Amino acid sequence: MSYSIDPALSRLIKQRFPAERSAGSFFPLHGLTGLTAKVELERATLLARHQRQDNPVPGVDRQREYRILRKLSGCDLAPAACGYADNWLLLGWQPGEALSEAAFPGALDAVVSELARLHQQPLSGYPLQLQKLLERYWQLSRPARRHCGWLRALQRLQRRGEPKPLRRALLHMDVHPGNLIRQQNSLRLIDWEYASDGDVALELAALVAGNALDAEQQLALTERYAALQRLDAARLRQQMARWQPWLTLLAASWYELRWQQSGEQTFYTLAAQAWQRVRS
């Protein structure tokens, strides 16, 4: 079943695809940070992503996402960026199947290779400022939910300051099975809404934390990445460890805000678990 298309999106489609006789069919997809939909035209299939203004998510900016994807248009790392207007981002549809969680450990070598390719691209010009991002989560939260443990963790990181980057690169910052599309014998990353420039060790630390990789998997990941990027593996692991407290607080802040915005019990439970990790 298709749905009616937002007039702003319809205008964007007509502007970018003037040969199409209609705005196509609109199929909403599940998304955490805004409205995402598949759009089927006569001669093209697209992905439309909307920036929500009522429930903003820190770090998400569809215009920045569009510009970064445009910069990556010369390689096959990312979907084609077809247009941006009125908070709508229009992308080429990435065919293939999302990688399953069961298949993820066996695909780690391919994932690391894809990240190494990404990290060799020119910087985007959009630096990731993690301290400001964490402060923004605090500011957007309900005052009644700003507990002492959150404030202490935030102030501790503010005093410490962000680690000096081991190596700066364009990062994806949301690598997990659902954002990896298998195409024949290769993997492609989708969902670039958090992409920005930062420390490569932060990307790898986020990959480890977000996918609960065990010690053996972490070792294999860092050894392979270090070999591909000509880095010292021990230094890389040390730098990843420096970023871990930042990522722990980021995860708790994200779940907390998503629960406040959505009211979904799953996010409440995940936030409670994440705050336990912050306190420990």
C-alpha atoms as a PDB file:
ATOM      1  CA  MET A   1       0.000   0.000   0.000  1.00  0.00           C
ATOM      2  CA  SER A   2       1.408   3.412  -1.014  1.00  0.00           C
ATOM      3  CA  TYR A   3       0.720   6.725   0.737  1.00  0.00           C
ATOM      4  CA  SER A   4       0.380  10.336  -0.355  1.00  0.00           C
ATOM      5  CA  ILE A   5       3.618  12.283  -0.812  1.00  0.00           C
ATOM      6  CA  ASP A   6       4.455  15.449   1.097  1.00  0.00           C
ATOM      7  CA  PRO A   7       4.145  18.417  -1.313  1.00  0.00           C
ATOM      8  CA  ALA A   8       7.704  19.547  -0.504  1.00  0.00           C
ATOM      9  CA  LEU A   9       9.057  16.116  -1.419  1.00  0.00           C
ATOM     10  CA  SER A  10       6.931  16.043  -4.543  1.00  0.00           C
ATOM     11  CA  ARG A  11       8.449  19.350  -5.657  1.00  0.00           C
ATOM     12  CA  LEU A  12      11.962  18.044  -5.042  1.00  0.00           C
ATOM     13  CA  ILE A  13      11.302  14.897  -7.067  1.00  0.00           C
ATOM     14  CA  LYS A  14       9.860  16.879  -9.966  1.00  0.00           C
ATOM     15  CA  GLN A  15      12.844  19.227  -9.884  1.00  0.00           C
ATOM     16  CA  ARG A  16      15.420  16.431  -9.890  1.00  0.00           C
ATOM     17  CA  PHE A  17      13.535  14.040 -12.170  1.00  0.00           C
ATOM     18  CA  PRO A  18      11.636  16.313 -14.601  1.00  0.00           C
ATOM     19  CA  ALA A  19      11.087  13.509 -17.140  1.00  0.00           C
ATOM     20  CA  GLU A  20       8.914  11.550 -14.695  1.00  0.00           C
ATOM     21  CA  ARG A  21       5.190  11.977 -15.287  1.00  0.00           C
ATOM     22  CA  SER A  22       4.299  11.729 -11.580  1.00  0.00           C
ATOM     23  CA  ALA A  23       5.891  11.954  -8.126  1.00  0.00           C
ATOM     24  CA  GLY A  24       5.712   8.172  -7.881  1.00  0.00           C
ATOM     25  CA  SER A  25       4.531   5.834  -5.139  1.00  0.00           C
ATOM     26  CA  PHE A  26       5.494   6.534  -1.517  1.00  0.00           C
ATOM     27  CA  PHE A  27       6.108   3.675   0.960  1.00  0.00           C
ATOM     28  CA  PRO A  28       7.042   4.701   4.549  1.00  0.00           C
ATOM     29  CA  LEU A  29       9.810   2.655   6.168  1.00  0.00           C
ATOM     30  CA  HIS A  30      10.679   2.103   9.804  1.00  0.00           C
ATOM     31  CA  GLY A  31      13.089   4.764  11.043  1.00  0.00           C
ATOM     32  CA  LEU A  32      14.320   6.014  14.415  1.00  0.00           C
ATOM     33  CA  THR A  33      15.200   9.616  13.680  1.00  0.00           C
ATOM     34  CA  GLY A  34      12.534  10.797  11.280  1.00  0.00           C
ATOM     35  CA  LEU A  35      10.360   9.849   8.358  1.00  0.00           C
ATOM     36  CA  THR A  36      12.067   7.578   5.842  1.00  0.00           C
ATOM     37  CA  ALA A  37      10.328   6.254   2.754  1.00  0.00           C
ATOM     38  CA  LYS A  38      10.900   4.324  -0.441  1.00  0.00           C
ATOM     39  CA  VAL A  39       9.769   6.191  -3.545  1.00  0.00           C
ATOM     40  CA  GLU A  40       9.158   4.240  -6.742  1.00  0.00           C
ATOM     41  CA  LEU A  41       9.196   6.201  -9.989  1.00  0.00           C
ATOM     42  CA  GLU A  42       8.743   4.822 -13.486  1.00  0.00           C
ATOM     43  CA  ARG A  43      12.494   4.693 -14.128  1.00  0.00           C
ATOM     44  CA  ALA A  44      14.092   4.989 -10.713  1.00  0.00           C
ATOM     45  CA  THR A  45      13.751   3.874  -7.108  1.00  0.00           C
ATOM     46  CA  LEU A  46      14.689   6.395  -4.442  1.00  0.00           C
ATOM     47  CA  LEU A  47      15.011   6.762  -0.691  1.00  0.00           C
ATOM     48  CA  ALA A  48      13.524   9.911   0.854  1.00  0.00           C
ATOM     49  CA  ARG A  49      14.626  11.009   4.329  1.00  0.00           C
ATOM     50  CA  HIS A  50      12.988  13.809   6.295  1.00  0.00           C
ATOM     51  CA  GLN A  51      14.478  15.965   9.055  1.00  0.00           C
ATOM     52  CA  ARG A  52      12.015  16.214  11.926  1.00  0.00           C
ATOM     53  CA  GLN A  53      11.722  19.661  13.452  1.00  0.00           C
ATOM     54  CA  ASP A  54       9.459  18.768  16.386  1.00  0.00           C
ATOM     55  CA  ASN A  55      11.760  16.102  17.905  1.00  0.00           C
ATOM     56  CA  PRO A  56      15.327  17.005  16.898  1.00  0.00           C
ATOM     57  CA  VAL A  57      18.076  14.446  17.346  1.00  0.00           C
ATOM     58  CA  PRO A  58      21.487  15.990  18.107  1.00  0.00           C
ATOM     59  CA  GLY A  59      23.994  15.467  15.332  1.00  0.00           C
ATOM     60  CA  VAL A  60      21.429  14.764  12.608  1.00  0.00           C
ATOM     61  CA  ASP A  61      21.373  17.291   9.767  1.00  0.00           C
ATOM     62  CA  ARG A  62      19.984  16.223   6.391  1.00  0.00           C
ATOM     63  CA  GLN A  63      21.693  19.093   4.557  1.00  0.00           C
ATOM     64  CA  ARG A  64      25.075  18.088   5.974  1.00  0.00           C
ATOM     65  CA  GLU A  65      24.305  14.459   5.103  1.00  0.00           C
ATOM     66  CA  TYR A  66      23.508  15.505   1.530  1.00  0.00           C
ATOM     67  CA  ARG A  67      26.737  17.478   1.161  1.00  0.00           C
ATOM     68  CA  ILE A  68      28.863  14.656   2.564  1.00  0.00           C
ATOM     69  CA  LEU A  69      27.269  12.117   0.236  1.00  0.00           C
ATOM     70  CA  ARG A  70      27.858  14.468  -2.676  1.00  0.00           C
ATOM     71  CA  LYS A  71      31.541  14.531  -1.749  1.00  0.00           C
ATOM     72  CA  LEU A  72      31.532  10.714  -1.876  1.00  0.00           C
ATOM     73  CA  SER A  73      29.862  10.604  -5.290  1.00  0.00           C
ATOM     74  CA  GLY A  74      33.123   9.743  -7.026  1.00  0.00           C
ATOM     75  CA  CYS A  75      33.394   6.374  -5.278  1.00  0.00           C
ATOM     76  CA  ASP A  76      31.050   3.470  -4.599  1.00  0.00           C
ATOM     77  CA  LEU A  77      31.057   3.820  -0.817  1.00  0.00           C
ATOM     78  CA  ALA A  78      27.667   5.482  -0.399  1.00  0.00           C
ATOM     79  CA  PRO A  79      24.255   5.900  -2.048  1.00  0.00           C
ATOM     80  CA  ALA A  80      23.858   8.584  -4.697  1.00  0.00           C
ATOM     81  CA  ALA A  81      22.729  11.957  -3.309  1.00  0.00           C
ATOM     82  CA  CYS A  82      19.960  13.115  -5.668  1.00  0.00           C
ATOM     83  CA  GLY A  83      18.808  16.293  -3.961  1.00  0.00           C
ATOM     84  CA  TYR A  84      17.943  18.226  -0.820  1.00  0.00           C
ATOM     85  CA  ALA A  85      15.242  20.818  -0.128  1.00  0.00           C
ATOM     86  CA  ASP A  86      12.768  21.756   2.629  1.00  0.00           C
ATOM     87  CA  ASN A  87      14.245  19.240   5.105  1.00  0.00           C
ATOM     88  CA  TRP A  88      13.908  16.377   2.594  1.00  0.00           C
ATOM     89  CA  LEU A  89      16.950  14.393   1.447  1.00  0.00           C
ATOM     90  CA  LEU A  90      16.582  12.328  -1.719  1.00  0.00           C
ATOM     91  CA  LEU A  91      18.936   9.393  -2.277  1.00  0.00           C
ATOM     92  CA  GLY A  92      19.362   6.606  -4.768  1.00  0.00           C
ATOM     93  CA  TRP A  93      17.957   3.320  -3.484  1.00  0.00           C
ATOM     94  CA  GLN A  94      20.652   0.882  -2.374  1.00  0.00           C
ATOM     95  CA  PRO A  95      19.632  -2.579  -3.633  1.00  0.00           C
ATOM     96  CA  GLY A  96      20.486  -5.712  -1.686  1.00  0.00           C
ATOM     97  CA  GLU A  97      19.717  -7.270   1.680  1.00  0.00           C
ATOM     98  CA  ALA A  98      20.632  -5.913   5.105  1.00  0.00           C
ATOM     99  CA  LEU A  99      23.283  -7.977   6.833  1.00  0.00           C
ATOM    100  CA  SER A 100      21.843 -10.168   9.582  1.00  0.00           C
ATOM    101  CA  GLU A 101      23.156 -10.021  13.140  1.00  0.00           C
ATOM    102  CA  ALA A 102      24.126 -13.682  12.873  1.00  0.00           C
ATOM    103  CA  ALA A 103      26.225 -12.950   9.780  1.00  0.00           C
ATOM    104  CA  PHE A 104      27.898  -9.848  11.214  1.00  0.00           C
ATOM    105  CA  PRO A 105      30.840 -11.540  13.026  1.00  0.00           C
ATOM    106  CA  GLY A 106      31.795 -13.421   9.868  1.00  0.00           C
ATOM    107  CA  ALA A 107      31.689 -10.205   7.867  1.00  0.00           C
ATOM    108  CA  LEU A 108      33.981  -8.195  10.165  1.00  0.00           C
ATOM    109  CA  ASP A 109      36.949  -8.347   7.775  1.00  0.00           C
ATOM    110  CA  ALA A 110      34.801  -6.911   4.981  1.00  0.00           C
ATOM    111  CA  VAL A 111      33.383  -4.255   7.329  1.00  0.00           C
ATOM    112  CA  VAL A 112      36.870  -3.177   8.405  1.00  0.00           C
ATOM    113  CA  SER A 113      38.006  -3.032   4.786  1.00  0.00           C
ATOM    114  CA  GLU A 114      35.040  -0.814   3.911  1.00  0.00           C
ATOM    115  CA  LEU A 115      35.818   1.506   6.837  1.00  0.00           C
ATOM    116  CA  ALA A 116      39.464   1.691   5.824  1.00  0.00           C
ATOM    117  CA  ARG A 117      38.366   2.762   2.327  1.00  0.00           C
ATOM    118  CA  LEU A 118      36.083   5.401   3.823  1.00  0.00           C
ATOM    119  CA  HIS A 119      38.800   6.715   6.112  1.00  0.00           C
ATOM    120  CA  GLN A 120      41.062   7.240   3.101  1.00  0.00           C
ATOM    121  CA  GLN A 121      38.618   9.730   1.538  1.00  0.00           C
ATOM    122  CA  PRO A 122      39.117  13.518   1.867  1.00  0.00           C
ATOM    123  CA  LEU A 123      37.733  15.172   4.977  1.00  0.00           C
ATOM    124  CA  SER A 124      34.197  16.522   4.626  1.00  0.00           C
ATOM    125  CA  GLY A 125      34.728  19.805   6.447  1.00  0.00           C
ATOM    126  CA  TYR A 126      32.152  18.887   9.116  1.00  0.00           C
ATOM    127  CA  PRO A 127      34.057  18.091  12.333  1.00  0.00           C
ATOM    128  CA  LEU A 128      32.434  15.922  14.982  1.00  0.00           C
ATOM    129  CA  GLN A 129      32.476  17.792  18.307  1.00  0.00           C
ATOM    130  CA  LEU A 130      31.506  15.085  20.738  1.00  0.00           C
ATOM    131  CA  GLN A 131      31.532  17.277  23.846  1.00  0.00           C
ATOM    132  CA  LYS A 132      29.093  19.742  22.286  1.00  0.00           C
ATOM    133  CA  LEU A 133      26.952  16.841  21.114  1.00  0.00           C
ATOM    134  CA  LEU A 134      26.719  15.445  24.661  1.00  0.00           C
ATOM    135  CA  GLU A 135      25.900  18.887  26.028  1.00  0.00           C
ATOM    136  CA  ARG A 136      23.115  19.209  23.464  1.00  0.00           C
ATOM    137  CA  TYR A 137      21.519  15.963  24.655  1.00  0.00           C
ATOM    138  CA  TRP A 138      21.518  17.350  28.187  1.00  0.00           C
ATOM    139  CA  GLN A 139      19.918  20.626  27.028  1.00  0.00           C
ATOM    140  CA  LEU A 140      17.153  18.863  25.073  1.00  0.00           C
ATOM    141  CA  SER A 141      16.207  16.497  27.899  1.00  0.00           C
ATOM    142  CA  ARG A 142      13.404  17.120  30.368  1.00  0.00           C
ATOM    143  CA  PRO A 143      14.684  18.941  33.470  1.00  0.00           C
ATOM    144  CA  ALA A 144      13.145  16.299  35.738  1.00  0.00           C
ATOM    145  CA  ARG A 145      15.271  13.619  34.026  1.00  0.00           C
ATOM    146  CA  ARG A 146      18.611  15.436  34.408  1.00  0.00           C
ATOM    147  CA  HIS A 147      19.897  13.318  37.266  1.00  0.00           C
ATOM    148  CA  CYS A 148      23.127  13.800  39.217  1.00  0.00           C
ATOM    149  CA  GLY A 149      24.844  10.797  37.674  1.00  0.00           C
ATOM    150  CA  TRP A 150      24.362  12.252  34.205  1.00  0.00           C
ATOM    151  CA  LEU A 151      25.690  15.652  35.258  1.00  0.00           C
ATOM    152  CA  ARG A 152      28.725  14.177  37.005  1.00  0.00           C
ATOM    153  CA  ALA A 153      29.613  12.058  33.974  1.00  0.00           C
ATOM    154  CA  LEU A 154      29.246  15.025  31.648  1.00  0.00           C
ATOM    155  CA  GLN A 155      31.327  17.325  33.853  1.00  0.00           C
ATOM    156  CA  ARG A 156      34.030  14.663  34.227  1.00  0.00           C
ATOM    157  CA  LEU A 157      34.397  14.478  30.433  1.00  0.00           C
ATOM    158  CA  GLN A 158      34.306  18.273  30.108  1.00  0.00           C
ATOM    159  CA  ARG A 159      37.224  18.555  32.527  1.00  0.00           C
ATOM    160  CA  ARG A 160      39.133  15.817  30.730  1.00  0.00           C
ATOM    161  CA  GLY A 161      38.559  17.145  27.215  1.00  0.00           C
ATOM    162  CA  GLU A 162      38.313  15.085  24.072  1.00  0.00           C
ATOM    163  CA  PRO A 163      41.308  12.855  23.285  1.00  0.00           C
ATOM    164  CA  LYS A 164      43.730  14.218  20.716  1.00  0.00           C
ATOM    165  CA  PRO A 165      42.930  12.357  17.468  1.00  0.00           C
ATOM    166  CA  LEU A 166      45.199   9.539  16.439  1.00  0.00           C
ATOM    167  CA  ARG A 167      44.221  10.163  12.818  1.00  0.00           C
ATOM    168  CA  ARG A 168      41.360  12.300  11.504  1.00  0.00           C
ATOM    169  CA  ALA A 169      39.113  11.017   8.734  1.00  0.00           C
ATOM    170  CA  LEU A 170      35.562  11.068   7.461  1.00  0.00           C
ATOM    171  CA  LEU A 171      33.608   8.731   9.778  1.00  0.00           C
ATOM    172  CA  HIS A 172      30.277   6.949   9.338  1.00  0.00           C
ATOM    173  CA  MET A 173      29.606   6.605  13.097  1.00  0.00           C
ATOM    174  CA  ASP A 174      26.662   4.202  12.920  1.00  0.00           C
ATOM    175  CA  VAL A 175      28.024   0.872  11.736  1.00  0.00           C
ATOM    176  CA  HIS A 176      25.819  -2.094  12.610  1.00  0.00           C
ATOM    177  CA  PRO A 177      24.207  -4.964  10.646  1.00  0.00           C
ATOM    178  CA  GLY A 178      21.092  -2.980   9.769  1.00  0.00           C
ATOM    179  CA  ASN A 179      23.211  -0.310   8.084  1.00  0.00           C
ATOM    180  CA  LEU A 180      25.198  -2.769   5.975  1.00  0.00           C
ATOM    181  CA  ILE A 181      23.726  -3.920   2.670  1.00  0.00           C
ATOM    182  CA  ARG A 182      25.079  -7.057   1.044  1.00  0.00           C
ATOM    183  CA  GLN A 183      25.441  -6.770  -2.716  1.00  0.00           C
ATOM    184  CA  GLN A 184      26.698 -10.010  -4.240  1.00  0.00           C
ATOM    185  CA  ASN A 185      30.235 -10.282  -2.785  1.00  0.00           C
ATOM    186  CA  SER A 186      30.489  -6.794  -1.278  1.00  0.00           C
ATOM    187  CA  LEU A 187      29.055  -4.703   1.553  1.00  0.00           C
ATOM    188  CA  ARG A 188      27.788  -1.139   1.329  1.00  0.00           C
ATOM    189  CA  LEU A 189      27.078   1.295   4.148  1.00  0.00           C
ATOM    190  CA  ILE A 190      23.747   3.112   4.336  1.00  0.00           C
ATOM    191  CA  ASP A 191      22.252   5.619   6.816  1.00  0.00           C
ATOM    192  CA  TRP A 192      24.904   8.338   6.858  1.00  0.00           C
ATOM    193  CA  GLU A 193      23.061  10.779   9.125  1.00  0.00           C
ATOM    194  CA  TYR A 194      25.798  10.840  11.787  1.00  0.00           C
ATOM    195  CA  ALA A 195      28.713  11.039   9.330  1.00  0.00           C
ATOM    196  CA  SER A 196      31.342  13.703  10.070  1.00  0.00           C
ATOM    197  CA  ASP A 197      35.093  14.148  10.502  1.00  0.00           C
ATOM    198  CA  GLY A 198      36.760  12.670  13.567  1.00  0.00           C
ATOM    199  CA  ASP A 199      39.264  10.256  15.017  1.00  0.00           C
ATOM    200  CA  VAL A 200      39.421   6.852  13.324  1.00  0.00           C
ATOM    201  CA  ALA A 201      39.811   5.289  16.778  1.00  0.00           C
ATOM    202  CA  LEU A 202      36.429   6.753  17.746  1.00  0.00           C
ATOM    203  CA  GLU A 203      34.803   5.020  14.770  1.00  0.00           C
ATOM    204  CA  LEU A 204      36.304   1.669  15.727  1.00  0.00           C
ATOM    205  CA  ALA A 205      35.449   2.119  19.406  1.00  0.00           C
ATOM    206  CA  ALA A 206      31.844   2.885  18.417  1.00  0.00           C
ATOM    207  CA  LEU A 207      31.787  -0.219  16.217  1.00  0.00           C
ATOM    208  CA  VAL A 208      32.998  -2.361  19.118  1.00  0.00           C
ATOM    209  CA  ALA A 209      30.616  -0.864  21.683  1.00  0.00           C
ATOM    210  CA  GLY A 210      27.574  -0.734  19.431  1.00  0.00           C
ATOM    211  CA  ASN A 211      27.878  -4.361  18.378  1.00  0.00           C
ATOM    212  CA  ALA A 212      29.102  -5.862  21.677  1.00  0.00           C
ATOM    213  CA  LEU A 213      32.209  -7.409  20.094  1.00  0.00           C
ATOM    214  CA  ASP A 214      34.124  -9.785  22.333  1.00  0.00           C
ATOM    215  CA  ALA A 215      37.851  -9.557  23.096  1.00  0.00           C
ATOM    216  CA  GLU A 216      38.856 -11.890  20.269  1.00  0.00           C
ATOM    217  CA  GLN A 217      36.786  -9.964  17.730  1.00  0.00           C
ATOM    218  CA  GLN A 218      38.166  -6.639  18.966  1.00  0.00           C
ATOM    219  CA  LEU A 219      41.720  -7.909  18.608  1.00  0.00           C
ATOM    220  CA  ALA A 220      41.102  -9.171  15.079  1.00  0.00           C
ATOM    221  CA  LEU A 221      39.404  -5.907  14.126  1.00  0.00           C
ATOM    222  CA  THR A 222      42.187  -3.656  15.376  1.00  0.00           C
ATOM    223  CA  GLU A 223      44.967  -5.825  13.922  1.00  0.00           C
ATOM    224  CA  ARG A 224      43.367  -5.838  10.473  1.00  0.00           C
ATOM    225  CA  TYR A 225      42.549  -2.133  10.498  1.00  0.00           C
ATOM    226  CA  ALA A 226      46.032  -1.207  11.715  1.00  0.00           C
ATOM    227  CA  ALA A 227      47.601  -3.274   8.935  1.00  0.00           C
ATOM    228  CA  LEU A 228      45.394  -1.679   6.271  1.00  0.00           C
ATOM    229  CA  GLN A 229      46.043   1.853   7.557  1.00  0.00           C
ATOM    230  CA  ARG A 230      49.674   1.387   8.590  1.00  0.00           C
ATOM    231  CA  LEU A 231      49.009   2.186  12.230  1.00  0.00           C
ATOM    232  CA  ASP A 232      50.420   0.685  15.395  1.00  0.00           C
ATOM    233  CA  ALA A 233      47.742  -1.730  16.651  1.00  0.00           C
ATOM    234  CA  ALA A 234      48.619  -1.240  20.335  1.00  0.00           C
ATOM    235  CA  ARG A 235      48.366   2.550  20.035  1.00  0.00           C
ATOM    236  CA  LEU A 236      45.074   2.156  18.200  1.00  0.00           C
ATOM    237  CA  ARG A 237      43.627   0.045  21.031  1.00  0.00           C
ATOM    238  CA  GLN A 238      44.833   2.538  23.633  1.00  0.00           C
ATOM    239  CA  GLN A 239      43.154   5.382  21.754  1.00  0.00           C
ATOM    240  CA  MET A 240      39.919   3.407  21.417  1.00  0.00           C
ATOM    241  CA  ALA A 241      39.926   2.916  25.187  1.00  0.00           C
ATOM    242  CA  ARG A 242      40.253   6.683  25.708  1.00  0.00           C
ATOM    243  CA  TRP A 243      37.066   7.223  23.720  1.00  0.00           C
ATOM    244  CA  GLN A 244      35.063   4.553  25.530  1.00  0.00           C
ATOM    245  CA  PRO A 245      33.693   6.768  28.389  1.00  0.00           C
ATOM    246  CA  TRP A 246      32.509   9.279  25.789  1.00  0.00           C
ATOM    247  CA  LEU A 247      30.662   6.593  23.862  1.00  0.00           C
ATOM    248  CA  THR A 248      29.139   5.141  27.026  1.00  0.00           C
ATOM    249  CA  LEU A 249      27.624   8.519  27.908  1.00  0.00           C
ATOM    250  CA  LEU A 250      26.595   9.111  24.288  1.00  0.00           C
ATOM    251  CA  ALA A 251      24.664   5.829  24.175  1.00  0.00           C
ATOM    252  CA  ALA A 252      22.880   6.578  27.454  1.00  0.00           C
ATOM    253  CA  SER A 253      22.028  10.113  26.302  1.00  0.00           C
ATOM    254  CA  TRP A 254      20.705   8.825  22.962  1.00  0.00           C
ATOM    255  CA  TYR A 255      18.448   6.180  24.535  1.00  0.00           C
ATOM    256  CA  GLU A 256      17.248   8.677  27.125  1.00  0.00           C
ATOM    257  CA  LEU A 257      16.247  11.288  24.559  1.00  0.00           C
ATOM    258  CA  ARG A 258      14.662   8.738  22.250  1.00  0.00           C
ATOM    259  CA  TRP A 259      12.548   7.471  25.165  1.00  0.00           C
ATOM    260  CA  GLN A 260      11.497  11.011  26.069  1.00  0.00           C
ATOM    261  CA  GLN A 261      10.554  11.736  22.460  1.00  0.00           C
ATOM    262  CA  SER A 262       8.825   8.457  21.599  1.00  0.00           C
ATOM    263  CA  GLY A 263       7.549   7.098  24.922  1.00  0.00           C
ATOM    264  CA  GLU A 264       8.529   3.602  23.768  1.00  0.00           C
ATOM    265  CA  GLN A 265       9.192   1.197  26.632  1.00  0.00           C
ATOM    266  CA  THR A 266      12.108  -0.396  24.781  1.00  0.00           C
ATOM    267  CA  PHE A 267      14.039   2.873  24.857  1.00  0.00           C
ATOM    268  CA  TYR A 268      13.223   3.339  28.552  1.00  0.00           C
ATOM    269  CA  THR A 269      14.687  -0.088  29.331  1.00  0.00           C
ATOM    270  CA  LEU A 270      17.769   0.487  27.180  1.00  0.00           C
ATOM    271  CA  ALA A 271      18.293   3.913  28.773  1.00  0.00           C
ATOM    272  CA  ALA A 272      18.110   2.413  32.285  1.00  0.00           C
ATOM    273  CA  GLN A 273      20.702  -0.216  31.339  1.00  0.00           C
ATOM    274  CA  ALA A 274      22.931   2.412  29.725  1.00  0.00           C
ATOM    275  CA  TRP A 275      22.822   4.657  32.803  1.00  0.00           C
ATOM    276  CA  GLN A 276      23.960   1.693  34.896  1.00  0.00           C
ATOM    277  CA  ARG A 277      27.018   1.401  32.643  1.00  0.00           C
ATOM    278  CA  VAL A 278      27.706   5.135  33.017  1.00  0.00           C
ATOM    279  CA  ARG A 279      27.585   4.866  36.817  1.00  0.00           C
ATOM    280  CA  SER A 280      29.875   1.839  36.887  1.00  0.00           C
END
